[in-house]
């Protein structure tokens, strides 16, 4: 089984897909406008890229739900607006772009469920640059990083679906594709290595 990632055709998506550094992360790039033409049964994991068109995400909402209900893993980066993925409770946050340039500055976040295997590949500091929103974690799902108000910026949910949803408000591909905030690279490498290991174990 393979890993696929969605492409919206944006310039930062294009630049990211040209980077050999992250080519190991996925097997195929799927154009979201043609999602209905692909055989998704060949994929164990589908990655929803940063900053995708909300119109297109809503158009193919049923495809994402079907993918999860077939026992697959859906990985979502960035905003989940206008209920394009039902059961995900997003709330906008004020973005702190400048905490790292202030003396003793910090972005208050707390690692949670640190026995989760993703933490074999990332640490809390890898997930600290900024975030645009937070999630209310569904009952039974596991938050991996909590905000001070008890919400989450990344969680996994294997109880709401037959498969697993891995979702984060972080937007590493956007920043890597635009060529700034290198802090996002260790997180994406860690996520990629964990996902590839999971695919090998699930399909062996």
N, C-alpha and C. Protein backbone atom coordinates (compact mmCIF):
# COMPACT_ATOMS: atom_id res chain seq x y z
N UNK A 1 0.85 -1.20 0.00
CA UNK A 1 0.00 0.00 0.00
C UNK A 1 0.88 1.25 0.00
N UNK A 2 0.32 2.35 -0.48
CA UNK A 2 1.12 3.55 -0.72
C UNK A 2 0.55 4.76 0.01
N UNK A 3 1.35 5.83 -0.04
CA UNK A 3 0.97 7.12 0.53
C UNK A 3 0.77 8.11 -0.60
N UNK A 4 -0.36 8.79 -0.61
CA UNK A 4 -0.64 9.83 -1.60
C UNK A 4 -0.80 11.17 -0.90
N UNK A 5 -0.49 12.23 -1.63
CA UNK A 5 -0.64 13.58 -1.11
C UNK A 5 -1.36 14.43 -2.14
N UNK A 6 -2.23 15.30 -1.69
CA UNK A 6 -3.02 16.14 -2.59
C UNK A 6 -2.27 17.40 -2.99
N UNK A 7 -2.50 17.81 -4.23
CA UNK A 7 -1.92 19.03 -4.79
C UNK A 7 -3.04 19.91 -5.30
N UNK A 8 -3.00 21.18 -4.91
CA UNK A 8 -4.00 22.14 -5.37
C UNK A 8 -3.49 22.99 -6.53
N UNK A 9 -2.20 22.82 -6.87
CA UNK A 9 -1.62 23.59 -7.97
C UNK A 9 -1.07 24.94 -7.57
N UNK A 10 -1.05 25.23 -6.27
CA UNK A 10 -0.50 26.51 -5.82
C UNK A 10 1.01 26.52 -5.97
N UNK A 11 1.59 27.72 -6.03
CA UNK A 11 3.03 27.84 -6.25
C UNK A 11 3.83 27.18 -5.13
N UNK A 12 3.39 27.32 -3.89
CA UNK A 12 4.16 26.72 -2.79
C UNK A 12 4.02 25.20 -2.79
N UNK A 13 2.89 24.69 -3.27
CA UNK A 13 2.78 23.24 -3.45
C UNK A 13 3.78 22.78 -4.51
N UNK A 14 3.82 23.50 -5.62
CA UNK A 14 4.72 23.13 -6.72
C UNK A 14 6.17 23.11 -6.26
N UNK A 15 6.57 24.15 -5.52
CA UNK A 15 7.96 24.20 -5.06
C UNK A 15 8.25 23.08 -4.06
N UNK A 16 7.28 22.77 -3.22
CA UNK A 16 7.49 21.68 -2.27
C UNK A 16 7.69 20.36 -3.01
N UNK A 17 6.89 20.09 -4.01
CA UNK A 17 7.00 18.82 -4.73
C UNK A 17 8.27 18.73 -5.57
N UNK A 18 8.94 19.84 -5.79
CA UNK A 18 10.22 19.83 -6.49
C UNK A 18 11.38 19.51 -5.55
N UNK A 19 11.14 19.50 -4.26
CA UNK A 19 12.21 19.31 -3.28
C UNK A 19 12.47 17.82 -3.06
N UNK A 20 13.66 17.37 -3.44
CA UNK A 20 14.01 15.96 -3.25
C UNK A 20 14.07 15.58 -1.77
N UNK A 21 14.31 16.58 -0.93
CA UNK A 21 14.44 16.33 0.51
C UNK A 21 13.22 15.63 1.09
N UNK A 22 12.04 15.91 0.54
CA UNK A 22 10.81 15.35 1.09
C UNK A 22 10.15 14.34 0.15
N UNK A 23 10.84 13.94 -0.90
CA UNK A 23 10.23 13.04 -1.87
C UNK A 23 9.90 11.67 -1.27
N UNK A 24 10.64 11.27 -0.24
CA UNK A 24 10.38 9.97 0.39
C UNK A 24 9.06 9.93 1.15
N UNK A 25 8.48 11.10 1.39
CA UNK A 25 7.28 11.21 2.22
C UNK A 25 6.05 10.59 1.57
N UNK A 26 6.01 10.56 0.26
CA UNK A 26 4.81 10.14 -0.46
C UNK A 26 5.21 9.33 -1.69
N UNK A 27 4.27 8.54 -2.18
CA UNK A 27 4.49 7.76 -3.41
C UNK A 27 3.91 8.46 -4.62
N UNK A 28 2.74 9.07 -4.46
CA UNK A 28 2.06 9.71 -5.58
C UNK A 28 1.49 11.06 -5.17
N UNK A 29 1.49 11.99 -6.13
CA UNK A 29 0.85 13.29 -5.96
C UNK A 29 -0.46 13.27 -6.75
N UNK A 30 -1.56 13.55 -6.07
CA UNK A 30 -2.88 13.52 -6.71
C UNK A 30 -3.41 14.94 -6.84
N UNK A 31 -3.87 15.29 -8.03
CA UNK A 31 -4.48 16.60 -8.25
C UNK A 31 -5.91 16.58 -7.70
N UNK A 32 -6.19 17.48 -6.78
CA UNK A 32 -7.49 17.41 -6.11
C UNK A 32 -8.64 17.63 -7.09
N UNK A 33 -8.42 18.39 -8.15
CA UNK A 33 -9.50 18.63 -9.12
C UNK A 33 -9.90 17.35 -9.85
N UNK A 34 -9.00 16.36 -9.87
CA UNK A 34 -9.28 15.08 -10.52
C UNK A 34 -9.40 13.94 -9.51
N UNK A 35 -9.70 14.26 -8.27
CA UNK A 35 -9.70 13.22 -7.24
C UNK A 35 -10.65 12.08 -7.59
N UNK A 36 -11.72 12.40 -8.27
CA UNK A 36 -12.71 11.37 -8.62
C UNK A 36 -12.20 10.38 -9.66
N UNK A 37 -11.07 10.69 -10.30
CA UNK A 37 -10.54 9.81 -11.35
C UNK A 37 -9.52 8.80 -10.82
N UNK A 38 -9.10 8.95 -9.57
CA UNK A 38 -8.05 8.08 -9.02
C UNK A 38 -8.66 6.86 -8.32
N UNK A 39 -7.90 5.78 -8.33
CA UNK A 39 -8.26 4.59 -7.57
C UNK A 39 -7.63 4.71 -6.19
N UNK A 40 -8.39 5.17 -5.22
CA UNK A 40 -7.85 5.41 -3.89
C UNK A 40 -7.66 4.12 -3.09
N UNK A 41 -8.14 3.00 -3.62
CA UNK A 41 -8.01 1.74 -2.90
C UNK A 41 -6.56 1.29 -2.78
N UNK A 42 -5.69 1.83 -3.63
CA UNK A 42 -4.28 1.43 -3.59
C UNK A 42 -3.48 2.16 -2.51
N UNK A 43 -4.12 3.10 -1.81
CA UNK A 43 -3.41 3.91 -0.82
C UNK A 43 -3.86 3.56 0.59
N UNK A 44 -2.87 3.45 1.47
CA UNK A 44 -3.15 3.28 2.89
C UNK A 44 -3.34 4.62 3.57
N UNK A 45 -2.62 5.64 3.09
CA UNK A 45 -2.62 6.97 3.71
C UNK A 45 -2.81 8.04 2.65
N UNK A 46 -3.69 8.98 2.94
CA UNK A 46 -3.92 10.13 2.07
C UNK A 46 -3.65 11.39 2.87
N UNK A 47 -2.77 12.25 2.34
CA UNK A 47 -2.39 13.49 3.02
C UNK A 47 -3.09 14.66 2.35
N UNK A 48 -3.85 15.41 3.15
CA UNK A 48 -4.49 16.63 2.68
C UNK A 48 -3.53 17.78 2.95
N UNK A 49 -3.04 18.37 1.90
CA UNK A 49 -2.00 19.40 1.96
C UNK A 49 -2.50 20.68 2.62
N UNK A 50 -1.56 21.56 2.96
CA UNK A 50 -1.89 22.87 3.53
C UNK A 50 -2.63 23.75 2.54
N UNK A 51 -3.52 24.57 3.06
CA UNK A 51 -4.14 25.68 2.33
C UNK A 51 -4.86 25.23 1.05
N UNK A 52 -5.51 24.11 1.11
CA UNK A 52 -6.25 23.63 -0.05
C UNK A 52 -7.50 24.47 -0.28
N UNK A 53 -8.00 24.45 -1.50
CA UNK A 53 -9.24 25.16 -1.83
C UNK A 53 -10.39 24.60 -1.02
N UNK A 54 -11.06 25.47 -0.27
CA UNK A 54 -12.20 25.04 0.53
C UNK A 54 -13.32 24.49 -0.35
N UNK A 55 -13.52 25.11 -1.49
CA UNK A 55 -14.55 24.66 -2.43
C UNK A 55 -14.29 23.22 -2.87
N UNK A 56 -13.03 22.91 -3.18
CA UNK A 56 -12.70 21.57 -3.64
C UNK A 56 -12.74 20.56 -2.49
N UNK A 57 -12.31 20.97 -1.32
CA UNK A 57 -12.39 20.07 -0.16
C UNK A 57 -13.84 19.68 0.11
N UNK A 58 -14.73 20.64 0.02
CA UNK A 58 -16.15 20.35 0.26
C UNK A 58 -16.73 19.50 -0.87
N UNK A 59 -16.26 19.73 -2.09
CA UNK A 59 -16.74 18.94 -3.22
C UNK A 59 -16.43 17.46 -3.02
N UNK A 60 -15.25 17.18 -2.46
CA UNK A 60 -14.83 15.79 -2.31
C UNK A 60 -14.94 15.29 -0.87
N UNK A 61 -15.75 15.95 -0.09
CA UNK A 61 -15.93 15.56 1.31
C UNK A 61 -16.27 14.08 1.45
N UNK A 62 -17.18 13.60 0.64
CA UNK A 62 -17.61 12.20 0.75
C UNK A 62 -16.46 11.23 0.47
N UNK A 63 -15.51 11.64 -0.37
CA UNK A 63 -14.35 10.79 -0.67
C UNK A 63 -13.48 10.63 0.57
N UNK A 64 -13.29 11.72 1.31
CA UNK A 64 -12.46 11.66 2.51
C UNK A 64 -13.13 10.80 3.59
N UNK A 65 -14.43 10.97 3.75
CA UNK A 65 -15.15 10.17 4.74
C UNK A 65 -15.10 8.69 4.35
N UNK A 66 -15.32 8.39 3.09
CA UNK A 66 -15.28 7.01 2.62
C UNK A 66 -13.90 6.40 2.85
N UNK A 67 -12.86 7.18 2.59
CA UNK A 67 -11.49 6.71 2.78
C UNK A 67 -11.27 6.31 4.25
N UNK A 68 -11.71 7.15 5.16
CA UNK A 68 -11.59 6.85 6.59
C UNK A 68 -12.42 5.63 6.98
N UNK A 69 -13.62 5.55 6.47
CA UNK A 69 -14.50 4.45 6.86
C UNK A 69 -14.05 3.12 6.28
N UNK A 70 -13.17 3.16 5.29
CA UNK A 70 -12.60 1.93 4.75
C UNK A 70 -11.39 1.46 5.56
N UNK A 71 -11.12 2.13 6.67
CA UNK A 71 -10.03 1.71 7.54
C UNK A 71 -8.69 2.32 7.21
N UNK A 72 -8.69 3.35 6.37
CA UNK A 72 -7.45 3.99 5.96
C UNK A 72 -7.10 5.14 6.91
N UNK A 73 -5.94 5.77 6.66
CA UNK A 73 -5.50 6.91 7.47
C UNK A 73 -5.55 8.18 6.62
N UNK A 74 -6.24 9.18 7.14
CA UNK A 74 -6.31 10.50 6.52
C UNK A 74 -5.51 11.47 7.38
N UNK A 75 -4.56 12.16 6.76
CA UNK A 75 -3.70 13.12 7.45
C UNK A 75 -4.04 14.51 6.93
N UNK A 76 -4.38 15.42 7.82
CA UNK A 76 -4.83 16.75 7.42
C UNK A 76 -3.93 17.80 8.05
N UNK A 77 -3.39 18.68 7.20
CA UNK A 77 -2.60 19.82 7.67
C UNK A 77 -3.41 21.11 7.48
N UNK A 78 -3.31 22.02 8.45
CA UNK A 78 -3.86 23.36 8.28
C UNK A 78 -5.31 23.50 8.70
N UNK A 79 -5.94 24.54 8.17
CA UNK A 79 -7.28 24.91 8.62
C UNK A 79 -8.36 23.90 8.20
N UNK A 80 -9.33 23.74 9.08
CA UNK A 80 -10.53 22.96 8.74
C UNK A 80 -11.71 23.90 8.91
N UNK A 81 -12.02 24.61 7.84
CA UNK A 81 -13.03 25.67 7.87
C UNK A 81 -14.35 25.21 7.28
N UNK A 82 -15.43 25.85 7.71
CA UNK A 82 -16.76 25.66 7.13
C UNK A 82 -17.18 24.19 7.11
N UNK A 83 -16.72 23.44 8.12
CA UNK A 83 -17.17 22.06 8.30
C UNK A 83 -16.90 21.17 7.09
N UNK A 84 -15.77 21.42 6.40
CA UNK A 84 -15.50 20.56 5.24
C UNK A 84 -15.21 19.12 5.67
N UNK A 85 -14.76 18.93 6.91
CA UNK A 85 -14.57 17.58 7.44
C UNK A 85 -15.44 17.45 8.69
N UNK A 86 -16.61 16.84 8.57
CA UNK A 86 -17.55 16.76 9.70
C UNK A 86 -16.92 16.09 10.92
N UNK A 87 -17.28 16.59 12.09
CA UNK A 87 -16.76 16.02 13.32
C UNK A 87 -15.47 16.64 13.79
N UNK A 88 -14.93 17.59 13.01
CA UNK A 88 -13.72 18.32 13.40
C UNK A 88 -14.14 19.71 13.84
N UNK A 89 -13.75 20.08 15.06
CA UNK A 89 -14.22 21.33 15.66
C UNK A 89 -13.07 22.33 15.75
N UNK A 90 -12.98 23.16 14.73
CA UNK A 90 -11.91 24.16 14.58
C UNK A 90 -12.34 25.49 15.18
N UNK A 91 -11.37 26.19 15.77
CA UNK A 91 -11.61 27.54 16.26
C UNK A 91 -10.41 28.40 15.90
N UNK A 92 -10.65 29.55 15.27
CA UNK A 92 -9.55 30.44 14.91
C UNK A 92 -8.82 30.94 16.15
N UNK A 93 -7.51 31.17 15.99
CA UNK A 93 -6.69 31.72 17.06
C UNK A 93 -5.96 32.96 16.57
N UNK A 94 -5.65 33.83 17.50
CA UNK A 94 -4.75 34.94 17.17
C UNK A 94 -3.36 34.36 16.96
N UNK A 95 -2.72 34.71 15.84
CA UNK A 95 -1.43 34.12 15.48
C UNK A 95 -0.30 34.91 16.11
N UNK A 96 0.55 34.22 16.87
CA UNK A 96 1.71 34.85 17.50
C UNK A 96 2.93 34.62 16.61
N UNK A 97 3.23 35.60 15.77
CA UNK A 97 4.33 35.47 14.82
C UNK A 97 5.69 35.83 15.42
N UNK A 98 5.72 36.49 16.56
CA UNK A 98 6.96 37.14 17.01
C UNK A 98 7.48 36.65 18.36
N UNK A 99 6.91 35.59 18.91
CA UNK A 99 7.34 35.17 20.24
C UNK A 99 8.82 34.82 20.29
N UNK A 100 9.38 34.28 19.21
CA UNK A 100 10.76 33.80 19.22
C UNK A 100 11.79 34.92 19.17
N UNK A 101 11.38 36.14 18.85
CA UNK A 101 12.34 37.25 18.81
C UNK A 101 12.33 38.05 20.11
N UNK A 102 11.47 37.68 21.03
CA UNK A 102 11.39 38.38 22.31
C UNK A 102 12.26 37.67 23.35
N UNK A 103 12.88 38.45 24.21
CA UNK A 103 13.70 37.87 25.27
C UNK A 103 12.83 36.98 26.15
N UNK A 104 13.30 35.74 26.34
CA UNK A 104 12.57 34.73 27.12
C UNK A 104 11.18 34.43 26.53
N UNK A 105 11.04 34.69 25.24
CA UNK A 105 9.75 34.44 24.59
C UNK A 105 9.45 32.95 24.50
N UNK A 106 8.18 32.63 24.49
CA UNK A 106 7.77 31.23 24.38
C UNK A 106 6.38 31.17 23.77
N UNK A 107 6.09 30.05 23.16
CA UNK A 107 4.75 29.75 22.66
C UNK A 107 4.20 28.66 23.56
N UNK A 108 3.33 29.00 24.49
CA UNK A 108 2.92 28.02 25.50
C UNK A 108 2.15 26.84 24.91
N UNK A 109 2.78 25.69 24.91
CA UNK A 109 2.18 24.45 24.44
C UNK A 109 2.63 23.33 25.36
N UNK A 110 1.83 22.28 25.45
CA UNK A 110 2.16 21.16 26.32
C UNK A 110 2.07 19.86 25.54
N UNK A 111 3.13 19.05 25.63
CA UNK A 111 3.11 17.73 25.01
C UNK A 111 2.16 16.83 25.79
N UNK A 112 1.37 16.05 25.08
CA UNK A 112 0.38 15.17 25.71
C UNK A 112 0.47 13.80 25.05
N UNK A 113 0.08 12.76 25.78
CA UNK A 113 0.15 11.39 25.25
C UNK A 113 1.52 11.11 24.64
N UNK A 114 2.56 11.36 25.43
CA UNK A 114 3.92 11.28 24.90
C UNK A 114 4.37 9.85 24.61
N UNK A 115 3.53 8.87 24.95
CA UNK A 115 3.83 7.49 24.56
C UNK A 115 3.40 7.21 23.12
N UNK A 116 2.77 8.20 22.47
CA UNK A 116 2.38 8.01 21.07
C UNK A 116 3.64 7.85 20.21
N UNK A 117 3.64 6.93 19.25
CA UNK A 117 4.86 6.68 18.46
C UNK A 117 5.36 7.87 17.66
N UNK A 118 4.53 8.86 17.37
CA UNK A 118 5.04 10.04 16.67
C UNK A 118 6.15 10.70 17.47
N UNK A 119 6.08 10.60 18.80
CA UNK A 119 7.09 11.24 19.64
C UNK A 119 8.44 10.52 19.60
N UNK A 120 8.53 9.41 18.90
CA UNK A 120 9.83 8.81 18.62
C UNK A 120 10.58 9.58 17.55
N UNK A 121 9.86 10.45 16.84
CA UNK A 121 10.45 11.16 15.70
C UNK A 121 10.41 12.68 15.85
N UNK A 122 9.62 13.20 16.75
CA UNK A 122 9.54 14.65 16.96
C UNK A 122 9.55 14.94 18.46
N UNK A 123 9.87 16.19 18.79
CA UNK A 123 9.74 16.66 20.16
C UNK A 123 8.87 17.91 20.14
N UNK A 124 8.49 18.39 21.29
CA UNK A 124 7.57 19.52 21.36
C UNK A 124 8.11 20.74 20.63
N UNK A 125 9.41 21.00 20.76
CA UNK A 125 9.99 22.19 20.12
C UNK A 125 9.87 22.14 18.60
N UNK A 126 9.79 20.94 18.02
CA UNK A 126 9.63 20.81 16.57
C UNK A 126 8.26 21.32 16.11
N UNK A 127 7.32 21.41 17.03
CA UNK A 127 5.96 21.81 16.67
C UNK A 127 5.64 23.24 17.11
N UNK A 128 6.69 23.98 17.44
CA UNK A 128 6.52 25.36 17.88
C UNK A 128 7.03 26.32 16.82
N UNK A 129 6.12 26.87 16.03
CA UNK A 129 6.45 28.09 15.28
C UNK A 129 5.29 29.07 15.44
N UNK A 130 4.12 28.70 15.00
CA UNK A 130 2.88 29.41 15.32
C UNK A 130 1.73 28.52 14.87
N UNK A 131 0.54 28.87 15.24
CA UNK A 131 -0.63 28.13 14.76
C UNK A 131 -1.77 29.10 14.54
N UNK A 132 -2.62 28.75 13.58
CA UNK A 132 -3.71 29.63 13.16
C UNK A 132 -5.04 29.29 13.82
N UNK A 133 -5.09 28.15 14.49
CA UNK A 133 -6.33 27.74 15.11
C UNK A 133 -6.11 26.55 16.02
N UNK A 134 -7.16 26.14 16.70
CA UNK A 134 -7.10 25.00 17.61
C UNK A 134 -8.32 24.10 17.40
N UNK A 135 -8.22 22.88 17.92
CA UNK A 135 -9.30 21.92 17.81
C UNK A 135 -9.85 21.56 19.19
N UNK A 136 -11.14 21.32 19.24
CA UNK A 136 -11.73 20.59 20.36
C UNK A 136 -11.56 19.11 20.04
N UNK A 137 -11.00 18.37 20.96
CA UNK A 137 -10.69 16.96 20.70
C UNK A 137 -11.92 16.10 20.96
N UNK A 138 -12.33 15.30 19.98
CA UNK A 138 -13.49 14.42 20.19
C UNK A 138 -13.24 13.41 21.31
N UNK A 139 -14.29 12.97 21.94
CA UNK A 139 -14.17 11.99 23.01
C UNK A 139 -13.51 10.72 22.48
N UNK A 140 -12.47 10.27 23.17
CA UNK A 140 -11.76 9.06 22.78
C UNK A 140 -10.56 9.30 21.89
N UNK A 141 -10.48 10.48 21.26
CA UNK A 141 -9.31 10.83 20.45
C UNK A 141 -8.17 11.26 21.37
N UNK A 142 -6.95 11.33 20.83
CA UNK A 142 -5.77 11.64 21.64
C UNK A 142 -5.10 12.92 21.14
N UNK A 143 -5.10 13.92 22.00
CA UNK A 143 -4.36 15.14 21.68
C UNK A 143 -2.88 14.90 21.94
N UNK A 144 -2.03 15.34 21.03
CA UNK A 144 -0.59 15.21 21.21
C UNK A 144 0.04 16.51 21.67
N UNK A 145 -0.59 17.64 21.36
CA UNK A 145 -0.09 18.94 21.80
C UNK A 145 -1.28 19.79 22.23
N UNK A 146 -1.26 20.23 23.48
CA UNK A 146 -2.35 21.03 24.03
C UNK A 146 -1.97 22.51 24.11
N UNK A 147 -2.97 23.36 23.95
CA UNK A 147 -2.82 24.79 24.18
C UNK A 147 -3.22 25.10 25.62
N UNK A 148 -2.88 26.29 26.13
CA UNK A 148 -3.21 26.60 27.53
C UNK A 148 -4.69 26.51 27.87
N UNK A 149 -5.56 26.69 26.88
CA UNK A 149 -7.00 26.64 27.16
C UNK A 149 -7.57 25.22 27.03
N UNK A 150 -6.69 24.23 26.91
CA UNK A 150 -7.14 22.84 26.89
C UNK A 150 -7.57 22.33 25.53
N UNK A 151 -7.32 23.11 24.49
CA UNK A 151 -7.61 22.65 23.14
C UNK A 151 -6.34 22.04 22.55
N UNK A 152 -6.38 21.66 21.29
CA UNK A 152 -5.28 20.91 20.69
C UNK A 152 -4.86 21.51 19.36
N UNK A 153 -3.56 21.34 19.03
CA UNK A 153 -3.10 21.70 17.68
C UNK A 153 -2.74 20.46 16.87
N UNK A 154 -2.76 19.31 17.51
CA UNK A 154 -2.58 18.06 16.75
C UNK A 154 -3.19 16.91 17.56
N UNK A 155 -4.03 16.12 16.90
CA UNK A 155 -4.59 14.96 17.59
C UNK A 155 -4.79 13.82 16.60
N UNK A 156 -4.94 12.63 17.15
CA UNK A 156 -5.25 11.44 16.35
C UNK A 156 -6.59 10.89 16.83
N UNK A 157 -7.36 10.39 15.89
CA UNK A 157 -8.71 9.91 16.21
C UNK A 157 -8.95 8.59 15.48
N UNK A 158 -8.96 7.51 16.24
CA UNK A 158 -9.26 6.20 15.66
C UNK A 158 -10.53 5.61 16.25
N UNK A 159 -11.36 6.47 16.84
CA UNK A 159 -12.63 6.00 17.41
C UNK A 159 -13.85 6.54 16.64
N UNK A 160 -13.69 7.66 15.98
CA UNK A 160 -14.82 8.25 15.26
C UNK A 160 -15.04 7.62 13.89
N UNK A 161 -14.04 6.88 13.42
CA UNK A 161 -14.08 6.29 12.08
C UNK A 161 -13.54 4.86 12.16
N UNK A 162 -13.72 4.10 11.10
CA UNK A 162 -13.11 2.78 11.03
C UNK A 162 -11.60 2.88 10.86
N UNK A 163 -11.13 3.97 10.26
CA UNK A 163 -9.71 4.22 10.10
C UNK A 163 -9.22 5.22 11.13
N UNK A 164 -8.18 5.97 10.75
CA UNK A 164 -7.58 6.93 11.68
C UNK A 164 -7.43 8.30 11.02
N UNK A 165 -7.85 9.32 11.74
CA UNK A 165 -7.63 10.70 11.34
C UNK A 165 -6.46 11.25 12.14
N UNK A 166 -5.47 11.78 11.42
CA UNK A 166 -4.35 12.49 12.05
C UNK A 166 -4.46 13.93 11.56
N UNK A 167 -4.66 14.86 12.48
CA UNK A 167 -5.00 16.21 12.06
C UNK A 167 -4.23 17.24 12.88
N UNK A 168 -3.74 18.27 12.22
CA UNK A 168 -2.98 19.32 12.89
C UNK A 168 -3.30 20.67 12.28
N UNK A 169 -3.29 21.68 13.12
CA UNK A 169 -3.48 23.05 12.64
C UNK A 169 -2.17 23.62 12.08
N UNK A 170 -1.07 22.91 12.25
CA UNK A 170 0.22 23.38 11.74
C UNK A 170 0.25 23.31 10.22
N UNK A 171 1.05 24.20 9.62
CA UNK A 171 1.08 24.32 8.16
C UNK A 171 2.51 24.25 7.62
N UNK A 172 3.21 23.14 7.85
CA UNK A 172 4.62 23.05 7.46
C UNK A 172 4.87 23.14 5.97
N UNK A 173 4.03 22.53 5.16
CA UNK A 173 4.28 22.50 3.72
C UNK A 173 4.16 23.89 3.13
N UNK A 174 3.23 24.68 3.63
CA UNK A 174 3.10 26.07 3.19
C UNK A 174 4.41 26.82 3.42
N UNK A 175 4.97 26.71 4.60
CA UNK A 175 6.19 27.46 4.92
C UNK A 175 7.41 26.90 4.21
N UNK A 176 7.50 25.59 4.10
CA UNK A 176 8.63 24.99 3.39
C UNK A 176 8.56 25.35 1.92
N UNK A 177 7.37 25.30 1.33
CA UNK A 177 7.22 25.65 -0.08
C UNK A 177 7.52 27.11 -0.36
N UNK A 178 7.24 27.98 0.60
CA UNK A 178 7.55 29.40 0.43
C UNK A 178 8.98 29.73 0.82
N UNK A 179 9.67 28.80 1.47
CA UNK A 179 11.07 29.00 1.78
C UNK A 179 11.35 29.79 3.04
N UNK A 180 10.43 29.76 4.01
CA UNK A 180 10.72 30.41 5.28
C UNK A 180 10.12 29.62 6.43
N UNK A 181 10.64 29.87 7.61
CA UNK A 181 10.35 29.12 8.85
C UNK A 181 10.86 27.68 8.71
N UNK A 182 12.19 27.55 8.73
CA UNK A 182 12.81 26.24 8.66
C UNK A 182 12.46 25.37 9.86
N UNK A 183 11.95 25.98 10.93
CA UNK A 183 11.53 25.23 12.10
C UNK A 183 10.47 24.18 11.75
N UNK A 184 9.79 24.41 10.65
CA UNK A 184 8.74 23.47 10.25
C UNK A 184 9.31 22.18 9.64
N UNK A 185 10.57 22.19 9.23
CA UNK A 185 11.14 21.01 8.57
C UNK A 185 11.29 19.80 9.49
N UNK A 186 11.86 19.96 10.70
CA UNK A 186 11.98 18.78 11.57
C UNK A 186 10.65 18.12 11.86
N UNK A 187 9.62 18.93 12.05
CA UNK A 187 8.29 18.35 12.30
C UNK A 187 7.82 17.54 11.11
N UNK A 188 7.94 18.08 9.91
CA UNK A 188 7.44 17.37 8.74
C UNK A 188 8.25 16.11 8.48
N UNK A 189 9.57 16.17 8.68
CA UNK A 189 10.38 14.95 8.54
C UNK A 189 9.94 13.90 9.56
N UNK A 190 9.72 14.33 10.80
CA UNK A 190 9.28 13.39 11.82
C UNK A 190 7.94 12.77 11.49
N UNK A 191 7.01 13.58 11.05
CA UNK A 191 5.69 13.08 10.65
C UNK A 191 5.82 12.09 9.49
N UNK A 192 6.65 12.44 8.51
CA UNK A 192 6.82 11.57 7.34
C UNK A 192 7.42 10.22 7.72
N UNK A 193 8.43 10.23 8.58
CA UNK A 193 9.08 8.98 8.98
C UNK A 193 8.11 8.10 9.78
N UNK A 194 7.33 8.73 10.65
CA UNK A 194 6.35 7.96 11.41
C UNK A 194 5.30 7.36 10.48
N UNK A 195 4.78 8.15 9.54
CA UNK A 195 3.75 7.65 8.63
C UNK A 195 4.26 6.49 7.78
N UNK A 196 5.48 6.62 7.27
CA UNK A 196 6.03 5.55 6.43
C UNK A 196 6.21 4.26 7.25
N UNK A 197 6.66 4.41 8.49
CA UNK A 197 6.80 3.23 9.36
C UNK A 197 5.44 2.60 9.61
N UNK A 198 4.43 3.42 9.86
CA UNK A 198 3.09 2.91 10.09
C UNK A 198 2.56 2.16 8.87
N UNK A 199 2.80 2.70 7.70
CA UNK A 199 2.34 2.04 6.47
C UNK A 199 3.00 0.68 6.33
N UNK A 200 4.31 0.62 6.57
CA UNK A 200 5.02 -0.66 6.47
C UNK A 200 4.44 -1.68 7.45
N UNK A 201 4.17 -1.26 8.66
CA UNK A 201 3.67 -2.18 9.68
C UNK A 201 2.24 -2.62 9.39
N UNK A 202 1.43 -1.70 8.88
CA UNK A 202 0.02 -2.01 8.62
C UNK A 202 -0.15 -2.93 7.41
N UNK A 203 0.81 -2.91 6.51
CA UNK A 203 0.65 -3.67 5.27
C UNK A 203 1.61 -4.85 5.17
N UNK A 204 2.40 -5.08 6.22
CA UNK A 204 3.35 -6.21 6.17
C UNK A 204 2.64 -7.52 6.52
